[in-house]
Amino acid sequence: MVQAFGQWFLESGNQMLFLALILAFSMGVAAGLWFKHRHDPMDGKKTLQGDEAFLKGVQYMLSNDPDHAIEAFTKSVRVNSNTIETYVALGNLFRSRGDIDRAIRIRQTIILRPNIAEDIKLRALFDLGLDYKKGGFLNRALRTFHQVLEKTPSHVETLKLMERIYEELRDWQNAFATRQKISKLTKENDGNILAHHLVEAGKSCLKNDDPNRAISHFHKAIATHKACVDAYLQLGDLYFERKNPMKAVSVWKEIVKVSPSFSFLAYDRLVKAYADVRDFKPVGDFLKEHAKSSGDVFTLMAVARYLYSDEDLGGALLQIDRALEFDPNFWEARKLKGMILIKEGRELDALNDYQDLITNMDFPCLRFQCAQCGFQPGNLLWQCPQCKGWDTIQLSDLWMNKRVSEKALEGVFPKLAENLNGD
């Protein structure tokens, strides 16, 4: 119960609402007592009955009992229709349980009531936008939030909600413009978010068969945030598709400089590009040079795969062993090592290496995790689908899969598995 209330309390605007509810109750009690002594005793009695119902509604909210809270607040409104906070609470409760139509009607009732303070109407307008957004009426939500901004242009919370809607609608131009306004107001460096908006706009241009405009967006993204890996990938891929492999290579190589932790995304592309011109030496030299300074397992494995494709099996094994010094259970390294040993006719060595592998029974693979909310996607994403943060998905520690099946054995060492089955 306490945890549920805590989650509700942390939602946007609910702290102020809760305080307003308590204040309204206190004022209601005072007004009720005043009316009881100064005016018609029946009016005072109705006011106090409304306040009692209001208090019960607050208690039900604290107990995470929305149904009874709605019932109590509805009773409070019937007895005393002058308490705006009761309407606000009712609207929020209806929205929280998915009754969007009733929530919307309540906001509209508040907005249309005469003699209501401007700040209360503005809050009702903002809540109406939230209702529309929750109900999936995104264009209506945008129009409502625009009305809020007409009255309070510096309302950052409204701008952030609008940005999210533009992202959902894949309206990247407006998302970009909205983030620019947010950055000016908050004085924060949001270059990475702006860059992603530009990259997504470029991707939309590609879908609309406008590659030149896409290239412009990708370049602008890099100028906005030099570490925008997705921009380099998209730009290099586009150059490669347009039969300009060397230009693509120069772009992909930049990834290694600006974001070494994501350099493995460039390796396969580099090999593919040099294969296109039938000259593997430059990519080999690049990988070897980078392996000296980097020494991470992905770089070493890229060098090993390159040497393997170049028929330098001894050199490939050397790089694999270096990678295994970092992580003895690195699955990709073990797999390639087994393939090389079998190709060289060293089945016994492959068997010994496999026996060493199953001692731990740990098969790591790539795993990604959001540094902001902990969400673990199946593959690399630039925006977290859960918390919507940009560039929060990172490469986490290698995941240890502790299940080894016969199919896994056949996939790693097909010839060895065949020999063992033959016995």
Foldseek 3Di string as FASTA:
>chain_A
DQVVLVVVCPPPPNVVLLVLLVVLLVVLLVVLVVCCPPHDVVLSVLSVQLSVLSVVLSVCSNVVNLVSSLVSLVSSCVSPVPRLSSLVVNLVSCLVVPVLVSSLVSLVVQLPDPPDDPVSNLVSLLVNLVSCVSVVVLVVSLVSLVVSCVVVVLPLVSLVVNLVSCVVVLVLVVNLVSVVSNCVNVVDLPLQVNLVSLQSVLVVCVVVVNNVSSLVSLVVSCVSPVQNLSSLVVNLVSCVVVVNLVVSLVSLVSNCVNPVQPNLVSLVSNCVSCVVVPHLVVSLVVLVVSCVVPVALSSLQSNLVSCVVVVNLVSSLVSLVSNCVVPVQAQVSLLVNLVSCVVVVNLVVNVVSVVVNLVVLWYWDWWKAFQPPGDTDPDDDQADPPPRDGNRIHTDPTHTDNDDDLVNVCSRNVVSSVVVVVD
